[in-house]
PDB file of N, CA and C in Angstrom:
ATOM      1  N   MET A   1       0.922  -1.181   0.008  1.00  0.00           N
ATOM      2  CA  MET A   1       0.096  -0.109  -0.077  1.00  0.00           C
ATOM      3  C   MET A   1       0.986   1.235  -0.122  1.00  0.00           C
ATOM      4  N   ALA A   2       0.619   2.075  -0.938  1.00  0.00           N
ATOM      5  CA  ALA A   2       1.409   3.485  -1.132  1.00  0.00           C
ATOM      6  C   ALA A   2       0.791   4.392  -0.228  1.00  0.00           C
ATOM      7  N   ASN A   3       1.769   5.225  -0.131  1.00  0.00           N
ATOM      8  CA  ASN A   3       1.246   6.682   0.550  1.00  0.00           C
ATOM      9  C   ASN A   3       1.004   6.372   2.075  1.00  0.00           C
ATOM     10  N   ALA A   4       1.429   5.213   2.442  1.00  0.00           N
ATOM     11  CA  ALA A   4       1.426   5.201   4.003  1.00  0.00           C
ATOM     12  C   ALA A   4       2.008   6.240   5.053  1.00  0.00           C
ATOM     13  N   LYS A   5       1.797   6.081   6.243  1.00  0.00           N
ATOM     14  CA  LYS A   5       2.373   7.181   7.288  1.00  0.00           C
ATOM     15  C   LYS A   5       3.638   6.857   7.442  1.00  0.00           C
ATOM     16  N   GLU A   6       4.013   5.472   7.441  1.00  0.00           N
ATOM     17  CA  GLU A   6       5.670   5.222   7.444  1.00  0.00           C
ATOM     18  C   GLU A   6       5.633   3.998   6.680  1.00  0.00           C
ATOM     19  N   THR A   7       6.898   3.587   6.251  1.00  0.00           N
ATOM     20  CA  THR A   7       7.379   2.401   5.636  1.00  0.00           C
ATOM     21  C   THR A   7       7.344   1.265   6.555  1.00  0.00           C
ATOM     22  N   ARG A   8       6.735   0.266   6.391  1.00  0.00           N
ATOM     23  CA  ARG A   8       6.886  -1.015   7.248  1.00  0.00           C
ATOM     24  C   ARG A   8       6.350  -2.270   6.602  1.00  0.00           C
ATOM     25  N   ILE A   9       6.988  -3.301   7.223  1.00  0.00           N
ATOM     26  CA  ILE A   9       6.378  -4.595   6.725  1.00  0.00           C
ATOM     27  C   ILE A   9       5.686  -5.271   7.613  1.00  0.00           C
ATOM     28  N   LEU A  10       4.426  -6.251   7.409  1.00  0.00           N
ATOM     29  CA  LEU A  10       3.922  -6.960   8.135  1.00  0.00           C
ATOM     30  C   LEU A  10       3.848  -8.379   7.498  1.00  0.00           C
ATOM     31  N   VAL A  11       4.241  -9.161   8.708  1.00  0.00           N
ATOM     32  CA  VAL A  11       3.933 -10.531   8.190  1.00  0.00           C
ATOM     33  C   VAL A  11       2.857 -11.236   8.749  1.00  0.00           C
ATOM     34  N   GLU A  12       1.698 -11.700   8.157  1.00  0.00           N
ATOM     35  CA  GLU A  12       0.526 -12.022   8.631  1.00  0.00           C
ATOM     36  C   GLU A  12       0.411 -13.546   9.168  1.00  0.00           C
ATOM     37  N   PRO A  13      -0.464 -13.916   9.917  1.00  0.00           N
ATOM     38  CA  PRO A  13      -0.307 -15.178  10.519  1.00  0.00           C
ATOM     39  C   PRO A  13      -0.311 -16.143   9.455  1.00  0.00           C
ATOM     40  N   ASP A  14      -0.736 -16.099   8.309  1.00  0.00           N
ATOM     41  CA  ASP A  14      -0.959 -16.976   7.272  1.00  0.00           C
ATOM     42  C   ASP A  14       0.329 -16.895   6.269  1.00  0.00           C
ATOM     43  N   GLY A  15       1.220 -16.244   6.740  1.00  0.00           N
ATOM     44  CA  GLY A  15       2.499 -15.928   6.109  1.00  0.00           C
ATOM     45  C   GLY A  15       2.678 -15.128   4.921  1.00  0.00           C
ATOM     46  N   THR A  16       1.394 -14.398   4.600  1.00  0.00           N
ATOM     47  CA  THR A  16       1.448 -13.296   3.757  1.00  0.00           C
ATOM     48  C   THR A  16       2.485 -12.036   4.161  1.00  0.00           C
ATOM     49  N   ILE A  17       3.237 -11.680   3.325  1.00  0.00           N
ATOM     50  CA  ILE A  17       3.841 -10.461   3.589  1.00  0.00           C
ATOM     51  C   ILE A  17       3.470  -9.237   3.034  1.00  0.00           C
ATOM     52  N   THR A  18       2.961  -8.222   3.520  1.00  0.00           N
ATOM     53  CA  THR A  18       2.194  -6.832   3.105  1.00  0.00           C
ATOM     54  C   THR A  18       3.355  -5.842   3.593  1.00  0.00           C
ATOM     55  N   MET A  19       3.519  -4.825   2.837  1.00  0.00           N
ATOM     56  CA  MET A  19       4.563  -3.754   2.884  1.00  0.00           C
ATOM     57  C   MET A  19       3.625  -2.534   2.886  1.00  0.00           C
ATOM     58  N   ARG A  20       3.669  -1.415   3.815  1.00  0.00           N
ATOM     59  CA  ARG A  20       3.094  -0.371   3.752  1.00  0.00           C
ATOM     60  C   ARG A  20       4.138   0.571   3.253  1.00  0.00           C
ATOM     61  N   VAL A  21       4.206   1.828   2.275  1.00  0.00           N
ATOM     62  CA  VAL A  21       5.105   2.433   1.834  1.00  0.00           C
ATOM     63  C   VAL A  21       4.822   3.801   2.022  1.00  0.00           C
ATOM     64  N   ASN A  22       5.705   4.653   2.507  1.00  0.00           N
ATOM     65  CA  ASN A  22       5.773   5.973   2.544  1.00  0.00           C
ATOM     66  C   ASN A  22       6.134   6.738   1.579  1.00  0.00           C
ATOM     67  N   ALA A  23       5.486   6.467   0.148  1.00  0.00           N
ATOM     68  CA  ALA A  23       5.827   7.277  -0.764  1.00  0.00           C
ATOM     69  C   ALA A  23       4.794   6.996  -2.016  1.00  0.00           C
ATOM     70  N   PRO A  24       4.337   8.042  -2.556  1.00  0.00           N
ATOM     71  CA  PRO A  24       3.380   7.958  -3.531  1.00  0.00           C
ATOM     72  C   PRO A  24       3.540   6.918  -4.815  1.00  0.00           C
ATOM     73  N   PRO A  25       2.361   6.267  -5.262  1.00  0.00           N
ATOM     74  CA  PRO A  25       2.433   5.592  -6.392  1.00  0.00           C
ATOM     75  C   PRO A  25       2.731   6.112  -7.622  1.00  0.00           C
ATOM     76  N   LEU A  26       3.785   7.217  -7.876  1.00  0.00           N
ATOM     77  CA  LEU A  26       3.697   7.942  -9.074  1.00  0.00           C
ATOM     78  C   LEU A  26       5.228   8.032  -9.783  1.00  0.00           C
ATOM     79  N   LYS A  27       5.302   7.789 -10.811  1.00  0.00           N
ATOM     80  CA  LYS A  27       6.782   7.600 -11.517  1.00  0.00           C
ATOM     81  C   LYS A  27       7.688   6.681 -10.682  1.00  0.00           C
ATOM     82  N   GLY A  28       7.233   5.783 -10.270  1.00  0.00           N
ATOM     83  CA  GLY A  28       8.097   4.639  -9.724  1.00  0.00           C
ATOM     84  C   GLY A  28       8.638   4.989  -8.220  1.00  0.00           C
ATOM     85  N   LYS A  29       7.974   6.132  -7.597  1.00  0.00           N
ATOM     86  CA  LYS A  29       8.468   6.395  -6.212  1.00  0.00           C
ATOM     87  C   LYS A  29       8.164   5.178  -5.244  1.00  0.00           C
ATOM     88  N   ALA A  30       7.132   4.741  -5.371  1.00  0.00           N
ATOM     89  CA  ALA A  30       6.843   3.691  -4.271  1.00  0.00           C
ATOM     90  C   ALA A  30       7.665   2.455  -4.332  1.00  0.00           C
ATOM     91  N   ASN A  31       8.089   2.132  -5.836  1.00  0.00           N
ATOM     92  CA  ASN A  31       9.091   0.954  -5.981  1.00  0.00           C
ATOM     93  C   ASN A  31      10.457   1.321  -5.533  1.00  0.00           C
ATOM     94  N   ARG A  32      10.922   2.419  -5.613  1.00  0.00           N
ATOM     95  CA  ARG A  32      12.169   2.986  -5.391  1.00  0.00           C
ATOM     96  C   ARG A  32      12.261   2.720  -3.796  1.00  0.00           C
ATOM     97  N   GLU A  33      11.244   3.328  -3.202  1.00  0.00           N
ATOM     98  CA  GLU A  33      11.316   3.103  -1.681  1.00  0.00           C
ATOM     99  C   GLU A  33      11.155   1.733  -0.960  1.00  0.00           C
ATOM    100  N   ILE A  34      10.457   0.860  -1.716  1.00  0.00           N
ATOM    101  CA  ILE A  34      10.593  -0.555  -1.377  1.00  0.00           C
ATOM    102  C   ILE A  34      12.017  -1.132  -1.382  1.00  0.00           C
ATOM    103  N   VAL A  35      12.552  -0.805  -2.461  1.00  0.00           N
ATOM    104  CA  VAL A  35      14.107  -1.203  -2.676  1.00  0.00           C
ATOM    105  C   VAL A  35      14.955  -0.643  -1.858  1.00  0.00           C
ATOM    106  N   LYS A  36      14.798   0.664  -1.614  1.00  0.00           N
ATOM    107  CA  LYS A  36      15.923   1.377  -0.760  1.00  0.00           C
ATOM    108  C   LYS A  36      15.787   1.051   0.802  1.00  0.00           C
ATOM    109  N   TRP A  37      14.330   0.854   1.110  1.00  0.00           N
ATOM    110  CA  TRP A  37      14.035   0.258   2.673  1.00  0.00           C
ATOM    111  C   TRP A  37      14.391  -1.293   2.918  1.00  0.00           C
ATOM    112  N   LEU A  38      14.209  -2.157   2.017  1.00  0.00           N
ATOM    113  CA  LEU A  38      14.585  -3.211   2.094  1.00  0.00           C
ATOM    114  C   LEU A  38      16.094  -3.656   2.181  1.00  0.00           C
ATOM    115  N   SER A  39      16.862  -2.685   1.349  1.00  0.00           N
ATOM    116  CA  SER A  39      18.353  -2.789   1.351  1.00  0.00           C
ATOM    117  C   SER A  39      18.687  -2.168   2.584  1.00  0.00           C
ATOM    118  N   LYS A  40      18.312  -1.170   3.237  1.00  0.00           N
ATOM    119  CA  LYS A  40      18.804  -0.820   4.552  1.00  0.00           C
ATOM    120  C   LYS A  40      18.544  -1.821   5.784  1.00  0.00           C
ATOM    121  N   LYS A  41      17.292  -2.358   5.722  1.00  0.00           N
ATOM    122  CA  LYS A  41      16.910  -3.312   6.695  1.00  0.00           C
ATOM    123  C   LYS A  41      17.601  -4.606   6.715  1.00  0.00           C
ATOM    124  N   LEU A  42      17.866  -4.763   5.418  1.00  0.00           N
ATOM    125  CA  LEU A  42      18.514  -6.332   5.198  1.00  0.00           C
ATOM    126  C   LEU A  42      20.033  -6.354   5.250  1.00  0.00           C
ATOM    127  N   GLY A  43      20.423  -4.838   5.113  1.00  0.00           N
ATOM    128  CA  GLY A  43      22.049  -4.651   5.211  1.00  0.00           C
ATOM    129  C   GLY A  43      22.503  -5.308   3.858  1.00  0.00           C
ATOM    130  N   THR A  44      21.721  -4.928   2.672  1.00  0.00           N
ATOM    131  CA  THR A  44      22.296  -5.445   1.522  1.00  0.00           C
ATOM    132  C   THR A  44      22.276  -4.279   0.363  1.00  0.00           C
ATOM    133  N   SER A  45      23.095  -4.196  -0.396  1.00  0.00           N
ATOM    134  CA  SER A  45      23.065  -3.412  -1.575  1.00  0.00           C
ATOM    135  C   SER A  45      21.675  -3.280  -2.443  1.00  0.00           C
ATOM    136  N   SER A  46      21.247  -2.005  -2.645  1.00  0.00           N
ATOM    137  CA  SER A  46      19.874  -1.994  -3.402  1.00  0.00           C
ATOM    138  C   SER A  46      20.108  -2.595  -4.772  1.00  0.00           C
ATOM    139  N   SER A  47      21.146  -2.836  -5.119  1.00  0.00           N
ATOM    140  CA  SER A  47      21.505  -3.529  -6.549  1.00  0.00           C
ATOM    141  C   SER A  47      21.308  -4.906  -6.529  1.00  0.00           C
ATOM    142  N   GLN A  48      21.112  -5.537  -5.384  1.00  0.00           N
ATOM    143  CA  GLN A  48      20.644  -6.859  -5.124  1.00  0.00           C
ATOM    144  C   GLN A  48      19.390  -7.324  -4.870  1.00  0.00           C
ATOM    145  N   ILE A  49      18.498  -6.162  -4.974  1.00  0.00           N
ATOM    146  CA  ILE A  49      17.174  -6.151  -4.864  1.00  0.00           C
ATOM    147  C   ILE A  49      16.456  -5.818  -6.126  1.00  0.00           C
ATOM    148  N   ARG A  50      15.572  -6.585  -6.695  1.00  0.00           N
ATOM    149  CA  ARG A  50      14.765  -6.195  -8.025  1.00  0.00           C
ATOM    150  C   ARG A  50      13.311  -6.536  -7.809  1.00  0.00           C
ATOM    151  N   ILE A  51      12.570  -5.790  -8.481  1.00  0.00           N
ATOM    152  CA  ILE A  51      11.172  -6.015  -8.528  1.00  0.00           C
ATOM    153  C   ILE A  51      10.877  -6.623  -9.745  1.00  0.00           C
ATOM    154  N   VAL A  52      10.432  -8.110  -9.497  1.00  0.00           N
ATOM    155  CA  VAL A  52      10.637  -8.980 -10.700  1.00  0.00           C
ATOM    156  C   VAL A  52       9.292  -8.939 -11.423  1.00  0.00           C
ATOM    157  N   ALA A  53       8.134  -8.555 -10.776  1.00  0.00           N
ATOM    158  CA  ALA A  53       6.765  -8.537 -11.241  1.00  0.00           C
ATOM    159  C   ALA A  53       5.982  -7.694 -10.466  1.00  0.00           C
ATOM    160  N   GLY A  54       5.010  -6.974 -11.085  1.00  0.00           N
ATOM    161  CA  GLY A  54       4.066  -5.971 -10.413  1.00  0.00           C
ATOM    162  C   GLY A  54       4.472  -4.634 -10.170  1.00  0.00           C
ATOM    163  N   LEU A  55       5.286  -3.986 -11.371  1.00  0.00           N
ATOM    164  CA  LEU A  55       5.855  -2.786 -11.313  1.00  0.00           C
ATOM    165  C   LEU A  55       4.742  -1.773 -11.124  1.00  0.00           C
ATOM    166  N   THR A  56       3.503  -2.088 -11.630  1.00  0.00           N
ATOM    167  CA  THR A  56       2.427  -1.024 -11.709  1.00  0.00           C
ATOM    168  C   THR A  56       1.285  -1.643 -10.894  1.00  0.00           C
ATOM    169  N   SER A  57       1.504  -2.530 -10.150  1.00  0.00           N
ATOM    170  CA  SER A  57       0.332  -3.245  -9.368  1.00  0.00           C
ATOM    171  C   SER A  57       0.816  -3.121  -7.772  1.00  0.00           C
ATOM    172  N   ASN A  58      -0.297  -3.080  -6.943  1.00  0.00           N
ATOM    173  CA  ASN A  58      -0.187  -3.215  -5.430  1.00  0.00           C
ATOM    174  C   ASN A  58       0.430  -4.811  -5.124  1.00  0.00           C
ATOM    175  N   LEU A  59       0.365  -5.723  -5.984  1.00  0.00           N
ATOM    176  CA  LEU A  59       1.017  -6.955  -5.724  1.00  0.00           C
ATOM    177  C   LEU A  59       2.300  -7.235  -6.436  1.00  0.00           C
ATOM    178  N   LYS A  60       3.231  -7.410  -5.758  1.00  0.00           N
ATOM    179  CA  LYS A  60       4.695  -7.444  -6.349  1.00  0.00           C
ATOM    180  C   LYS A  60       5.419  -8.874  -5.931  1.00  0.00           C
ATOM    181  N   ALA A  61       6.180  -9.065  -6.829  1.00  0.00           N
ATOM    182  CA  ALA A  61       7.188 -10.329  -6.586  1.00  0.00           C
ATOM    183  C   ALA A  61       8.795  -9.601  -6.565  1.00  0.00           C
ATOM    184  N   ILE A  62       9.196  -9.780  -5.564  1.00  0.00           N
ATOM    185  CA  ILE A  62      10.749  -9.109  -5.305  1.00  0.00           C
ATOM    186  C   ILE A  62      11.767 -10.369  -5.197  1.00  0.00           C
ATOM    187  N   ALA A  63      12.864 -10.030  -5.865  1.00  0.00           N
ATOM    188  CA  ALA A  63      13.861 -11.007  -5.834  1.00  0.00           C
ATOM    189  C   ALA A  63      15.139 -10.277  -4.959  1.00  0.00           C
ATOM    190  N   ILE A  64      15.725 -11.030  -4.109  1.00  0.00           N
ATOM    191  CA  ILE A  64      17.119 -10.561  -3.302  1.00  0.00           C
ATOM    192  C   ILE A  64      18.023 -11.686  -3.624  1.00  0.00           C
ATOM    193  N   ALA A  65      18.925 -11.140  -4.334  1.00  0.00           N
ATOM    194  CA  ALA A  65      20.172 -12.040  -5.017  1.00  0.00           C
ATOM    195  C   ALA A  65      20.996 -12.458  -3.486  1.00  0.00           C
ATOM    196  N   GLY A  66      21.003 -13.861  -3.395  1.00  0.00           N
ATOM    197  CA  GLY A  66      21.654 -14.567  -2.437  1.00  0.00           C
ATOM    198  C   GLY A  66      20.631 -14.982  -1.247  1.00  0.00           C
ATOM    199  N   MET A  67      19.643 -14.520  -1.510  1.00  0.00           N
ATOM    200  CA  MET A  67      18.536 -14.910  -0.374  1.00  0.00           C
ATOM    201  C   MET A  67      17.347 -15.418  -0.711  1.00  0.00           C
ATOM    202  N   SER A  68      16.955 -16.493  -0.014  1.00  0.00           N
ATOM    203  CA  SER A  68      15.731 -17.241  -0.249  1.00  0.00           C
ATOM    204  C   SER A  68      14.541 -16.550   0.493  1.00  0.00           C
ATOM    205  N   GLU A  69      13.299 -17.073   0.077  1.00  0.00           N
ATOM    206  CA  GLU A  69      12.195 -16.521   1.035  1.00  0.00           C
ATOM    207  C   GLU A  69      12.344 -16.817   2.355  1.00  0.00           C
ATOM    208  N   ARG A  70      12.872 -17.982   2.788  1.00  0.00           N
ATOM    209  CA  ARG A  70      13.002 -18.519   4.110  1.00  0.00           C
ATOM    210  C   ARG A  70      14.104 -17.545   4.740  1.00  0.00           C
ATOM    211  N   GLY A  71      15.180 -17.215   4.026  1.00  0.00           N
ATOM    212  CA  GLY A  71      16.430 -16.392   4.590  1.00  0.00           C
ATOM    213  C   GLY A  71      15.851 -15.024   4.663  1.00  0.00           C
ATOM    214  N   PHE A  72      14.686 -14.629   3.931  1.00  0.00           N
ATOM    215  CA  PHE A  72      14.330 -13.214   4.281  1.00  0.00           C
ATOM    216  C   PHE A  72      13.645 -13.199   5.333  1.00  0.00           C
ATOM    217  N   LEU A  73      12.598 -14.019   5.600  1.00  0.00           N
ATOM    218  CA  LEU A  73      11.744 -14.164   6.852  1.00  0.00           C
ATOM    219  C   LEU A  73      12.614 -14.595   8.059  1.00  0.00           C
ATOM    220  N   GLU A  74      13.750 -15.028   7.894  1.00  0.00           N
ATOM    221  CA  GLU A  74      14.790 -15.550   9.223  1.00  0.00           C
ATOM    222  C   GLU A  74      15.348 -14.439   9.446  1.00  0.00           C
ATOM    223  N   ALA A  75      15.779 -13.539   8.507  1.00  0.00           N
ATOM    224  CA  ALA A  75      16.609 -12.200   8.608  1.00  0.00           C
ATOM    225  C   ALA A  75      15.541 -11.189   9.241  1.00  0.00           C
ATOM    226  N   LEU A  76      14.263 -11.091   8.964  1.00  0.00           N
ATOM    227  CA  LEU A  76      13.158 -10.286   9.620  1.00  0.00           C
ATOM    228  C   LEU A  76      12.919 -10.632  10.994  1.00  0.00           C
ATOM    229  N   GLY A  77      13.014 -11.894  11.187  1.00  0.00           N
ATOM    230  CA  GLY A  77      12.687 -12.558  12.823  1.00  0.00           C
ATOM    231  C   GLY A  77      13.748 -12.392  13.456  1.00  0.00           C
ATOM    232  N   ARG A  78      15.175 -12.223  12.890  1.00  0.00           N
ATOM    233  CA  ARG A  78      16.167 -12.001  13.989  1.00  0.00           C
ATOM    234  C   ARG A  78      16.154 -10.828  14.302  1.00  0.00           C
ATOM    235  N   ASN A  79      15.866  -9.788  13.283  1.00  0.00           N
ATOM    236  CA  ASN A  79      15.668  -8.494  13.726  1.00  0.00           C
ATOM    237  C   ASN A  79      14.294  -7.766  13.543  1.00  0.00           C
ATOM    238  N   LYS A  80      13.779  -8.002  14.757  1.00  0.00           N
ATOM    239  CA  LYS A  80      12.001  -7.321  14.757  1.00  0.00           C
ATOM    240  C   LYS A  80      12.303  -5.970  14.662  1.00  0.00           C
ATOM    241  N   ALA A  81      13.272  -5.308  14.679  1.00  0.00           N
ATOM    242  CA  ALA A  81      13.233  -3.705  14.445  1.00  0.00           C
ATOM    243  C   ALA A  81      13.250  -3.672  12.950  1.00  0.00           C
ATOM    244  N   ALA A  82      13.780  -4.559  12.115  1.00  0.00           N
ATOM    245  CA  ALA A  82      13.688  -4.393  10.836  1.00  0.00           C
ATOM    246  C   ALA A  82      12.068  -4.390   9.980  1.00  0.00           C
ATOM    247  N   LEU A  83      11.195  -4.680  11.055  1.00  0.00           N
ATOM    248  CA  LEU A  83       9.785  -4.674  10.453  1.00  0.00           C
ATOM    249  C   LEU A  83       9.427  -3.102  10.484  1.00  0.00           C
ATOM    250  N   ARG A  84      10.098  -2.455  11.057  1.00  0.00           N
ATOM    251  CA  ARG A  84       9.732  -1.040  11.275  1.00  0.00           C
ATOM    252  C   ARG A  84      10.771  -0.116  10.761  1.00  0.00           C
TER     253      ARG A  84
END
């Protein structure tokens, strides 16, 4: 969801990952915020993070070089502060 009060990620009980983004969905600003925020929270270069599907949609697929979905969730779990 774009234009949120703050950028943060939520992991729902069913495993669904939802991200609220503090950027408007105009000219790729929200997409750039997603990549920048994930890169900072995961301690990786933004060049390692790509939006592979859904550039113009609310539903996106993101690839992080060298990190599996399980690794991503574990990284978030180890660092609860990464969720905000």
